[in-house]
Amino acid sequence: MKKKPIYHNSKPKNRKVKKLNVKKNSGSGRVSYLKYIFFAVLVIAAIIIFFMLTSDNKRTSESGSPKEPKFVKEGELDFIRGETDSLIKSIDIEIADSPDSRVLGLMYRNHMDEDKGMLFIFPVAELQSFWMKNTYISLDIIFVSEKNIILNIHKNTIPRSEKAYVSTEDAKYVVEVVSGFTDKFSVKPGDKIRFLRSDNK
Protein backbone atom coordinates (compact mmCIF):
# COMPACT_ATOMS: atom_id res chain seq x y z
CA MET A 1 0.00 0.00 0.00
CA LYS A 2 1.35 3.33 -1.01
CA LYS A 3 2.05 5.53 1.93
CA LYS A 4 0.51 8.93 2.14
CA PRO A 5 3.18 11.40 1.27
CA ILE A 6 4.46 13.49 4.12
CA TYR A 7 5.11 17.07 3.32
CA HIS A 8 7.78 17.92 5.74
CA ASN A 9 7.36 21.62 5.13
CA SER A 10 3.70 21.59 6.05
CA LYS A 11 4.11 21.59 9.79
CA PRO A 12 7.05 23.96 9.83
CA LYS A 13 5.15 26.19 7.42
CA ASN A 14 2.09 26.12 9.61
CA ARG A 15 4.24 26.80 12.65
CA LYS A 16 5.92 29.65 10.81
CA VAL A 17 2.60 31.12 9.87
CA LYS A 18 1.39 30.80 13.41
CA LYS A 19 4.55 32.39 14.67
CA LEU A 20 4.21 35.19 12.17
CA ASN A 21 0.60 35.61 13.19
CA VAL A 22 1.60 35.71 16.82
CA LYS A 23 4.28 38.26 16.12
CA LYS A 24 1.90 40.32 14.01
CA ASN A 25 -0.80 40.21 16.64
CA SER A 26 1.70 41.00 19.38
CA GLY A 27 3.11 43.88 17.39
CA SER A 28 -0.33 45.23 16.73
CA GLY A 29 -1.10 45.02 20.42
CA ARG A 30 2.06 46.85 21.30
CA VAL A 31 1.35 49.57 18.72
CA SER A 32 -2.16 49.97 20.07
CA TYR A 33 -0.81 50.08 23.63
CA LEU A 34 1.81 52.65 22.64
CA LYS A 35 -0.89 54.75 21.02
CA TYR A 36 -2.80 54.86 24.29
CA ILE A 37 0.37 55.79 26.19
CA PHE A 38 1.20 58.49 23.67
CA PHE A 39 -2.33 59.87 23.84
CA ALA A 40 -2.24 59.87 27.65
CA VAL A 41 1.13 61.68 27.64
CA LEU A 42 -0.30 64.31 25.28
CA VAL A 43 -3.32 64.82 27.51
CA ILE A 44 -1.15 65.15 30.62
CA ALA A 45 1.21 67.52 28.82
CA ALA A 46 -1.74 69.64 27.67
CA ILE A 47 -3.09 69.80 31.22
CA ILE A 48 0.31 70.80 32.60
CA ILE A 49 0.75 73.50 29.95
CA PHE A 50 -2.77 74.79 30.62
CA PHE A 51 -2.13 75.15 34.34
CA MET A 52 1.27 76.73 33.71
CA LEU A 53 -0.28 79.31 31.40
CA THR A 54 -3.12 79.93 33.83
CA SER A 55 -0.63 80.39 36.65
CA ASP A 56 1.50 82.74 34.55
CA ASN A 57 -1.54 84.79 33.59
CA LYS A 58 -2.58 84.96 37.22
CA ARG A 59 0.88 86.11 38.28
CA THR A 60 0.93 88.65 35.46
CA SER A 61 -2.47 89.90 36.46
CA GLU A 62 -1.44 90.12 40.08
CA SER A 63 1.80 91.90 39.28
CA GLY A 64 -0.01 94.29 36.95
CA SER A 65 -2.82 95.00 39.38
CA PRO A 66 -2.19 93.76 42.92
CA LYS A 67 -4.99 93.13 45.35
CA GLU A 68 -6.30 96.38 46.77
CA PRO A 69 -4.84 97.08 50.23
CA LYS A 70 -7.34 97.59 53.01
CA PHE A 71 -7.26 100.69 55.18
CA VAL A 72 -5.78 99.99 58.60
CA LYS A 73 -6.16 102.71 61.21
CA GLU A 74 -2.81 103.46 62.82
CA GLY A 75 -3.56 106.84 64.32
CA GLU A 76 -5.57 110.04 64.18
CA LEU A 77 -4.68 113.42 62.67
CA ASP A 78 -6.20 116.85 63.28
CA PHE A 79 -6.08 119.80 60.94
CA ILE A 80 -5.76 122.98 63.01
CA ARG A 81 -6.55 126.53 61.90
CA GLY A 82 -3.31 128.49 61.93
CA GLU A 83 -4.76 131.80 63.12
CA THR A 84 -7.00 130.48 65.89
CA ASP A 85 -5.64 127.02 66.75
CA SER A 86 -9.21 125.74 66.37
CA LEU A 87 -9.97 122.28 65.04
CA ILE A 88 -10.81 122.14 61.35
CA LYS A 89 -11.25 118.41 60.80
CA SER A 90 -10.08 115.11 62.30
CA ILE A 91 -9.30 112.02 60.19
CA ASP A 92 -8.11 108.48 60.77
CA ILE A 93 -4.70 107.78 59.28
CA GLU A 94 -2.43 105.05 58.11
CA ILE A 95 1.22 105.85 58.80
CA ALA A 96 4.01 105.37 56.27
CA ASP A 97 7.29 105.73 58.15
CA SER A 98 9.48 103.06 56.57
CA PRO A 99 11.11 103.16 53.09
CA ASP A 100 8.84 100.40 51.76
CA SER A 101 5.62 101.86 53.14
CA ARG A 102 6.52 105.33 51.84
CA VAL A 103 7.17 103.93 48.36
CA LEU A 104 3.85 102.02 48.36
CA GLY A 105 1.82 104.87 49.81
CA LEU A 106 -1.78 104.79 48.58
CA MET A 107 -1.06 102.83 45.42
CA TYR A 108 -3.70 100.40 44.14
CA ARG A 109 -6.54 101.87 46.21
CA ASN A 110 -9.81 102.21 44.34
CA HIS A 111 -11.52 104.23 47.05
CA MET A 112 -10.76 106.11 50.24
CA ASP A 113 -13.28 107.74 52.55
CA GLU A 114 -13.21 111.46 53.19
CA ASP A 115 -12.40 110.96 56.88
CA LYS A 116 -9.31 108.85 56.15
CA GLY A 117 -5.84 109.56 54.87
CA MET A 118 -2.18 108.65 55.01
CA LEU A 119 0.60 110.38 56.94
CA PHE A 120 4.15 110.04 55.56
CA ILE A 121 6.90 110.57 58.11
CA PHE A 122 10.46 111.16 56.90
CA PRO A 123 13.68 110.85 58.92
CA VAL A 124 14.67 114.47 58.23
CA ALA A 125 13.04 117.56 56.78
CA GLU A 126 14.02 118.10 53.15
CA LEU A 127 12.46 118.87 49.79
CA GLN A 128 9.97 116.10 49.04
CA SER A 129 8.71 114.94 45.65
CA PHE A 130 5.68 112.72 45.13
CA TRP A 131 4.06 111.18 42.06
CA MET A 132 0.85 109.31 41.29
CA LYS A 133 2.19 106.20 39.58
CA ASN A 134 -0.11 103.21 40.26
CA THR A 135 -2.37 105.49 42.32
CA TYR A 136 -5.93 105.11 41.08
CA ILE A 137 -7.68 107.88 43.01
CA SER A 138 -7.12 111.63 42.79
CA LEU A 139 -5.59 113.09 45.95
CA ASP A 140 -4.77 116.33 47.72
CA ILE A 141 -1.10 116.12 48.74
CA ILE A 142 -0.23 118.31 51.73
CA PHE A 143 3.41 119.09 52.54
CA VAL A 144 4.13 119.90 56.19
CA SER A 145 7.21 121.32 57.92
CA GLU A 146 9.07 119.87 60.86
CA LYS A 147 7.09 122.29 63.03
CA ASN A 148 3.81 120.80 61.77
CA ILE A 149 2.95 123.84 59.63
CA ILE A 150 1.40 123.24 56.22
CA LEU A 151 3.77 124.55 53.53
CA ASN A 152 1.93 123.94 50.27
CA ILE A 153 -0.82 121.75 48.84
CA HIS A 154 -1.13 120.04 45.47
CA LYS A 155 -4.86 119.64 44.86
CA ASN A 156 -6.73 117.23 42.58
CA THR A 157 -3.68 115.27 41.49
CA ILE A 158 -3.86 113.21 38.31
CA PRO A 159 -4.30 109.44 38.90
CA ARG A 160 -1.46 107.24 37.53
CA SER A 161 0.50 110.30 36.46
CA GLU A 162 4.30 110.40 36.76
CA LYS A 163 4.25 114.16 37.17
CA ALA A 164 6.31 115.33 40.15
CA TYR A 165 4.45 117.09 42.98
CA VAL A 166 7.12 118.89 44.99
CA SER A 167 7.24 120.70 48.33
CA THR A 168 8.13 124.39 48.20
CA GLU A 169 10.30 124.07 51.34
CA ASP A 170 11.84 121.31 53.43
CA ALA A 171 9.06 119.01 54.63
CA LYS A 172 9.20 116.29 57.26
CA TYR A 173 5.58 115.20 56.88
CA VAL A 174 3.23 114.68 53.96
CA VAL A 175 -0.49 114.05 54.31
CA GLU A 176 -2.55 112.51 51.51
CA VAL A 177 -6.33 112.85 51.55
CA VAL A 178 -9.00 112.41 48.89
CA SER A 179 -9.23 115.03 46.18
CA GLY A 180 -11.41 117.99 47.17
CA PHE A 181 -10.81 117.58 50.90
CA THR A 182 -8.74 120.74 51.37
CA ASP A 183 -11.21 122.87 49.42
CA LYS A 184 -14.21 121.46 51.28
CA PHE A 185 -12.69 122.15 54.71
CA SER A 186 -10.69 125.23 53.68
CA VAL A 187 -7.36 123.71 54.67
CA LYS A 188 -4.56 125.99 53.45
CA PRO A 189 -0.85 126.79 53.86
CA GLY A 190 -0.20 128.25 57.32
CA ASP A 191 -2.64 125.82 58.98
CA LYS A 192 -1.19 123.06 61.14
CA ILE A 193 -1.47 119.36 61.82
CA ARG A 194 -1.18 117.31 64.96
CA PHE A 195 -1.32 113.56 65.11
CA LEU A 196 -1.34 110.70 67.54
CA ARG A 197 -0.41 107.11 66.78
CA SER A 198 -2.74 104.38 67.94
CA ASP A 199 0.17 102.86 69.82
CA ASN A 200 0.89 106.27 71.41
CA LYS A 201 4.40 106.44 69.92
C-alpha atoms as a PDB file:
ATOM      1  CA  MET A   1       0.000   0.000   0.000  1.00  0.00           C
ATOM      2  CA  LYS A   2       1.353   3.332  -1.008  1.00  0.00           C
ATOM      3  CA  LYS A   3       2.051   5.526   1.934  1.00  0.00           C
ATOM      4  CA  LYS A   4       0.511   8.927   2.135  1.00  0.00           C
ATOM      5  CA  PRO A   5       3.178  11.401   1.272  1.00  0.00           C
ATOM      6  CA  ILE A   6       4.463  13.493   4.122  1.00  0.00           C
ATOM      7  CA  TYR A   7       5.105  17.070   3.321  1.00  0.00           C
ATOM      8  CA  HIS A   8       7.785  17.918   5.743  1.00  0.00           C
ATOM      9  CA  ASN A   9       7.357  21.624   5.133  1.00  0.00           C
ATOM     10  CA  SER A  10       3.704  21.594   6.052  1.00  0.00           C
ATOM     11  CA  LYS A  11       4.114  21.594   9.791  1.00  0.00           C
ATOM     12  CA  PRO A  12       7.051  23.964   9.825  1.00  0.00           C
ATOM     13  CA  LYS A  13       5.154  26.185   7.418  1.00  0.00           C
ATOM     14  CA  ASN A  14       2.095  26.121   9.612  1.00  0.00           C
ATOM     15  CA  ARG A  15       4.239  26.802  12.646  1.00  0.00           C
ATOM     16  CA  LYS A  16       5.924  29.646  10.811  1.00  0.00           C
ATOM     17  CA  VAL A  17       2.595  31.123   9.870  1.00  0.00           C
ATOM     18  CA  LYS A  18       1.388  30.796  13.406  1.00  0.00           C
ATOM     19  CA  LYS A  19       4.549  32.385  14.673  1.00  0.00           C
ATOM     20  CA  LEU A  20       4.210  35.190  12.173  1.00  0.00           C
ATOM     21  CA  ASN A  21       0.600  35.614  13.188  1.00  0.00           C
ATOM     22  CA  VAL A  22       1.595  35.713  16.824  1.00  0.00           C
ATOM     23  CA  LYS A  23       4.284  38.259  16.117  1.00  0.00           C
ATOM     24  CA  LYS A  24       1.904  40.322  14.010  1.00  0.00           C
ATOM     25  CA  ASN A  25      -0.800  40.206  16.638  1.00  0.00           C
ATOM     26  CA  SER A  26       1.704  40.998  19.385  1.00  0.00           C
ATOM     27  CA  GLY A  27       3.111  43.879  17.389  1.00  0.00           C
ATOM     28  CA  SER A  28      -0.330  45.232  16.728  1.00  0.00           C
ATOM     29  CA  GLY A  29      -1.103  45.020  20.425  1.00  0.00           C
ATOM     30  CA  ARG A  30       2.062  46.854  21.302  1.00  0.00           C
ATOM     31  CA  VAL A  31       1.354  49.566  18.715  1.00  0.00           C
ATOM     32  CA  SER A  32      -2.161  49.975  20.066  1.00  0.00           C
ATOM     33  CA  TYR A  33      -0.806  50.085  23.631  1.00  0.00           C
ATOM     34  CA  LEU A  34       1.807  52.652  22.644  1.00  0.00           C
ATOM     35  CA  LYS A  35      -0.894  54.748  21.016  1.00  0.00           C
ATOM     36  CA  TYR A  36      -2.798  54.864  24.292  1.00  0.00           C
ATOM     37  CA  ILE A  37       0.370  55.786  26.191  1.00  0.00           C
ATOM     38  CA  PHE A  38       1.205  58.493  23.673  1.00  0.00           C
ATOM     39  CA  PHE A  39      -2.326  59.869  23.844  1.00  0.00           C
ATOM     40  CA  ALA A  40      -2.235  59.865  27.653  1.00  0.00           C
ATOM     41  CA  VAL A  41       1.125  61.684  27.638  1.00  0.00           C
ATOM     42  CA  LEU A  42      -0.299  64.307  25.281  1.00  0.00           C
ATOM     43  CA  VAL A  43      -3.322  64.821  27.514  1.00  0.00           C
ATOM     44  CA  ILE A  44      -1.147  65.152  30.624  1.00  0.00           C
ATOM     45  CA  ALA A  45       1.211  67.525  28.824  1.00  0.00           C
ATOM     46  CA  ALA A  46      -1.744  69.636  27.668  1.00  0.00           C
ATOM     47  CA  ILE A  47      -3.094  69.802  31.218  1.00  0.00           C
ATOM     48  CA  ILE A  48       0.307  70.803  32.602  1.00  0.00           C
ATOM     49  CA  ILE A  49       0.747  73.500  29.949  1.00  0.00           C
ATOM     50  CA  PHE A  50      -2.773  74.786  30.620  1.00  0.00           C
ATOM     51  CA  PHE A  51      -2.128  75.148  34.342  1.00  0.00           C
ATOM     52  CA  MET A  52       1.266  76.728  33.714  1.00  0.00           C
ATOM     53  CA  LEU A  53      -0.276  79.309  31.402  1.00  0.00           C
ATOM     54  CA  THR A  54      -3.116  79.930  33.828  1.00  0.00           C
ATOM     55  CA  SER A  55      -0.631  80.388  36.650  1.00  0.00           C
ATOM     56  CA  ASP A  56       1.501  82.741  34.551  1.00  0.00           C
ATOM     57  CA  ASN A  57      -1.544  84.787  33.595  1.00  0.00           C
ATOM     58  CA  LYS A  58      -2.582  84.957  37.224  1.00  0.00           C
ATOM     59  CA  ARG A  59       0.876  86.106  38.278  1.00  0.00           C
ATOM     60  CA  THR A  60       0.928  88.647  35.461  1.00  0.00           C
ATOM     61  CA  SER A  61      -2.473  89.899  36.459  1.00  0.00           C
ATOM     62  CA  GLU A  62      -1.441  90.118  40.077  1.00  0.00           C
ATOM     63  CA  SER A  63       1.801  91.895  39.276  1.00  0.00           C
ATOM     64  CA  GLY A  64      -0.009  94.291  36.946  1.00  0.00           C
ATOM     65  CA  SER A  65      -2.817  94.996  39.377  1.00  0.00           C
ATOM     66  CA  PRO A  66      -2.189  93.761  42.915  1.00  0.00           C
ATOM     67  CA  LYS A  67      -4.985  93.130  45.349  1.00  0.00           C
ATOM     68  CA  GLU A  68      -6.304  96.380  46.765  1.00  0.00           C
ATOM     69  CA  PRO A  69      -4.836  97.080  50.231  1.00  0.00           C
ATOM     70  CA  LYS A  70      -7.338  97.594  53.011  1.00  0.00           C
ATOM     71  CA  PHE A  71      -7.258 100.692  55.182  1.00  0.00           C
ATOM     72  CA  VAL A  72      -5.779  99.988  58.603  1.00  0.00           C
ATOM     73  CA  LYS A  73      -6.164 102.708  61.207  1.00  0.00           C
ATOM     74  CA  GLU A  74      -2.812 103.460  62.822  1.00  0.00           C
ATOM     75  CA  GLY A  75      -3.562 106.841  64.316  1.00  0.00           C
ATOM     76  CA  GLU A  76      -5.569 110.043  64.179  1.00  0.00           C
ATOM     77  CA  LEU A  77      -4.677 113.415  62.671  1.00  0.00           C
ATOM     78  CA  ASP A  78      -6.199 116.847  63.282  1.00  0.00           C
ATOM     79  CA  PHE A  79      -6.080 119.796  60.940  1.00  0.00           C
ATOM     80  CA  ILE A  80      -5.763 122.979  63.012  1.00  0.00           C
ATOM     81  CA  ARG A  81      -6.547 126.531  61.904  1.00  0.00           C
ATOM     82  CA  GLY A  82      -3.310 128.492  61.926  1.00  0.00           C
ATOM     83  CA  GLU A  83      -4.759 131.800  63.120  1.00  0.00           C
ATOM     84  CA  THR A  84      -7.003 130.480  65.891  1.00  0.00           C
ATOM     85  CA  ASP A  85      -5.639 127.015  66.755  1.00  0.00           C
ATOM     86  CA  SER A  86      -9.208 125.745  66.373  1.00  0.00           C
ATOM     87  CA  LEU A  87      -9.969 122.282  65.044  1.00  0.00           C
ATOM     88  CA  ILE A  88     -10.807 122.139  61.355  1.00  0.00           C
ATOM     89  CA  LYS A  89     -11.250 118.409  60.804  1.00  0.00           C
ATOM     90  CA  SER A  90     -10.084 115.107  62.298  1.00  0.00           C
ATOM     91  CA  ILE A  91      -9.297 112.024  60.195  1.00  0.00           C
ATOM     92  CA  ASP A  92      -8.109 108.483  60.769  1.00  0.00           C
ATOM     93  CA  ILE A  93      -4.704 107.781  59.276  1.00  0.00           C
ATOM     94  CA  GLU A  94      -2.427 105.051  58.111  1.00  0.00           C
ATOM     95  CA  ILE A  95       1.220 105.854  58.803  1.00  0.00           C
ATOM     96  CA  ALA A  96       4.009 105.374  56.268  1.00  0.00           C
ATOM     97  CA  ASP A  97       7.286 105.734  58.155  1.00  0.00           C
ATOM     98  CA  SER A  98       9.484 103.063  56.565  1.00  0.00           C
ATOM     99  CA  PRO A  99      11.108 103.164  53.093  1.00  0.00           C
ATOM    100  CA  ASP A 100       8.839 100.402  51.762  1.00  0.00           C
ATOM    101  CA  SER A 101       5.617 101.864  53.144  1.00  0.00           C
ATOM    102  CA  ARG A 102       6.517 105.331  51.843  1.00  0.00           C
ATOM    103  CA  VAL A 103       7.170 103.931  48.356  1.00  0.00           C
ATOM    104  CA  LEU A 104       3.853 102.023  48.363  1.00  0.00           C
ATOM    105  CA  GLY A 105       1.816 104.869  49.806  1.00  0.00           C
ATOM    106  CA  LEU A 106      -1.784 104.786  48.584  1.00  0.00           C
ATOM    107  CA  MET A 107      -1.055 102.834  45.417  1.00  0.00           C
ATOM    108  CA  TYR A 108      -3.702 100.396  44.136  1.00  0.00           C
ATOM    109  CA  ARG A 109      -6.537 101.873  46.211  1.00  0.00           C
ATOM    110  CA  ASN A 110      -9.813 102.207  44.340  1.00  0.00           C
ATOM    111  CA  HIS A 111     -11.517 104.225  47.050  1.00  0.00           C
ATOM    112  CA  MET A 112     -10.763 106.112  50.241  1.00  0.00           C
ATOM    113  CA  ASP A 113     -13.285 107.740  52.550  1.00  0.00           C
ATOM    114  CA  GLU A 114     -13.206 111.465  53.193  1.00  0.00           C
ATOM    115  CA  ASP A 115     -12.400 110.958  56.876  1.00  0.00           C
ATOM    116  CA  LYS A 116      -9.309 108.847  56.153  1.00  0.00           C
ATOM    117  CA  GLY A 117      -5.841 109.557  54.871  1.00  0.00           C
ATOM    118  CA  MET A 118      -2.176 108.645  55.012  1.00  0.00           C
ATOM    119  CA  LEU A 119       0.603 110.382  56.936  1.00  0.00           C
ATOM    120  CA  PHE A 120       4.148 110.042  55.564  1.00  0.00           C
ATOM    121  CA  ILE A 121       6.903 110.574  58.109  1.00  0.00           C
ATOM    122  CA  PHE A 122      10.462 111.159  56.900  1.00  0.00           C
ATOM    123  CA  PRO A 123      13.675 110.854  58.920  1.00  0.00           C
ATOM    124  CA  VAL A 124      14.666 114.469  58.228  1.00  0.00           C
ATOM    125  CA  ALA A 125      13.037 117.559  56.785  1.00  0.00           C
ATOM    126  CA  GLU A 126      14.016 118.097  53.150  1.00  0.00           C
ATOM    127  CA  LEU A 127      12.462 118.870  49.793  1.00  0.00           C
ATOM    128  CA  GLN A 128       9.971 116.103  49.041  1.00  0.00           C
ATOM    129  CA  SER A 129       8.714 114.938  45.651  1.00  0.00           C
ATOM    130  CA  PHE A 130       5.679 112.719  45.129  1.00  0.00           C
ATOM    131  CA  TRP A 131       4.059 111.177  42.055  1.00  0.00           C
ATOM    132  CA  MET A 132       0.849 109.307  41.289  1.00  0.00           C
ATOM    133  CA  LYS A 133       2.193 106.199  39.577  1.00  0.00           C
ATOM    134  CA  ASN A 134      -0.112 103.205  40.255  1.00  0.00           C
ATOM    135  CA  THR A 135      -2.365 105.492  42.320  1.00  0.00           C
ATOM    136  CA  TYR A 136      -5.931 105.113  41.080  1.00  0.00           C
ATOM    137  CA  ILE A 137      -7.677 107.882  43.007  1.00  0.00           C
ATOM    138  CA  SER A 138      -7.115 111.631  42.790  1.00  0.00           C
ATOM    139  CA  LEU A 139      -5.586 113.088  45.950  1.00  0.00           C
ATOM    140  CA  ASP A 140      -4.768 116.326  47.717  1.00  0.00           C
ATOM    141  CA  ILE A 141      -1.099 116.122  48.737  1.00  0.00           C
ATOM    142  CA  ILE A 142      -0.227 118.305  51.734  1.00  0.00           C
ATOM    143  CA  PHE A 143       3.413 119.085  52.541  1.00  0.00           C
ATOM    144  CA  VAL A 144       4.129 119.899  56.187  1.00  0.00           C
ATOM    145  CA  SER A 145       7.206 121.317  57.919  1.00  0.00           C
ATOM    146  CA  GLU A 146       9.073 119.870  60.860  1.00  0.00           C
ATOM    147  CA  LYS A 147       7.089 122.293  63.034  1.00  0.00           C
ATOM    148  CA  ASN A 148       3.806 120.798  61.767  1.00  0.00           C
ATOM    149  CA  ILE A 149       2.953 123.840  59.635  1.00  0.00           C
ATOM    150  CA  ILE A 150       1.397 123.243  56.220  1.00  0.00           C
ATOM    151  CA  LEU A 151       3.772 124.552  53.530  1.00  0.00           C
ATOM    152  CA  ASN A 152       1.933 123.939  50.271  1.00  0.00           C
ATOM    153  CA  ILE A 153      -0.823 121.748  48.845  1.00  0.00           C
ATOM    154  CA  HIS A 154      -1.134 120.041  45.469  1.00  0.00           C
ATOM    155  CA  LYS A 155      -4.862 119.640  44.863  1.00  0.00           C
ATOM    156  CA  ASN A 156      -6.732 117.234  42.582  1.00  0.00           C
ATOM    157  CA  THR A 157      -3.678 115.268  41.488  1.00  0.00           C
ATOM    158  CA  ILE A 158      -3.865 113.205  38.309  1.00  0.00           C
ATOM    159  CA  PRO A 159      -4.296 109.440  38.897  1.00  0.00           C
ATOM    160  CA  ARG A 160      -1.460 107.243  37.528  1.00  0.00           C
ATOM    161  CA  SER A 161       0.501 110.301  36.458  1.00  0.00           C
ATOM    162  CA  GLU A 162       4.298 110.403  36.760  1.00  0.00           C
ATOM    163  CA  LYS A 163       4.250 114.160  37.175  1.00  0.00           C
ATOM    164  CA  ALA A 164       6.313 115.327  40.153  1.00  0.00           C
ATOM    165  CA  TYR A 165       4.446 117.088  42.978  1.00  0.00           C
ATOM    166  CA  VAL A 166       7.123 118.890  44.992  1.00  0.00           C
ATOM    167  CA  SER A 167       7.244 120.695  48.328  1.00  0.00           C
ATOM    168  CA  THR A 168       8.129 124.389  48.204  1.00  0.00           C
ATOM    169  CA  GLU A 169      10.295 124.068  51.338  1.00  0.00           C
ATOM    170  CA  ASP A 170      11.842 121.313  53.433  1.00  0.00           C
ATOM    171  CA  ALA A 171       9.055 119.006  54.630  1.00  0.00           C
ATOM    172  CA  LYS A 172       9.205 116.293  57.255  1.00  0.00           C
ATOM    173  CA  TYR A 173       5.582 115.203  56.880  1.00  0.00           C
ATOM    174  CA  VAL A 174       3.233 114.684  53.958  1.00  0.00           C
ATOM    175  CA  VAL A 175      -0.489 114.051  54.307  1.00  0.00           C
ATOM    176  CA  GLU A 176      -2.549 112.508  51.506  1.00  0.00           C
ATOM    177  CA  VAL A 177      -6.326 112.852  51.555  1.00  0.00           C
ATOM    178  CA  VAL A 178      -8.999 112.408  48.891  1.00  0.00           C
ATOM    179  CA  SER A 179      -9.231 115.026  46.184  1.00  0.00           C
ATOM    180  CA  GLY A 180     -11.406 117.993  47.170  1.00  0.00           C
ATOM    181  CA  PHE A 181     -10.810 117.578  50.905  1.00  0.00           C
ATOM    182  CA  THR A 182      -8.741 120.736  51.366  1.00  0.00           C
ATOM    183  CA  ASP A 183     -11.207 122.870  49.417  1.00  0.00           C
ATOM    184  CA  LYS A 184     -14.207 121.461  51.280  1.00  0.00           C
ATOM    185  CA  PHE A 185     -12.692 122.152  54.710  1.00  0.00           C
ATOM    186  CA  SER A 186     -10.687 125.230  53.681  1.00  0.00           C
ATOM    187  CA  VAL A 187      -7.357 123.710  54.675  1.00  0.00           C
ATOM    188  CA  LYS A 188      -4.558 125.993  53.454  1.00  0.00           C
ATOM    189  CA  PRO A 189      -0.854 126.787  53.862  1.00  0.00           C
ATOM    190  CA  GLY A 190      -0.204 128.246  57.317  1.00  0.00           C
ATOM    191  CA  ASP A 191      -2.638 125.818  58.976  1.00  0.00           C
ATOM    192  CA  LYS A 192      -1.193 123.056  61.137  1.00  0.00           C
ATOM    193  CA  ILE A 193      -1.474 119.359  61.816  1.00  0.00           C
ATOM    194  CA  ARG A 194      -1.183 117.314  64.964  1.00  0.00           C
ATOM    195  CA  PHE A 195      -1.320 113.558  65.109  1.00  0.00           C
ATOM    196  CA  LEU A 196      -1.341 110.698  67.543  1.00  0.00           C
ATOM    197  CA  ARG A 197      -0.413 107.111  66.776  1.00  0.00           C
ATOM    198  CA  SER A 198      -2.743 104.375  67.935  1.00  0.00           C
ATOM    199  CA  ASP A 199       0.174 102.862  69.819  1.00  0.00           C
ATOM    200  CA  ASN A 200       0.891 106.272  71.415  1.00  0.00           C
ATOM    201  CA  LYS A 201       4.399 106.440  69.924  1.00  0.00           C
END
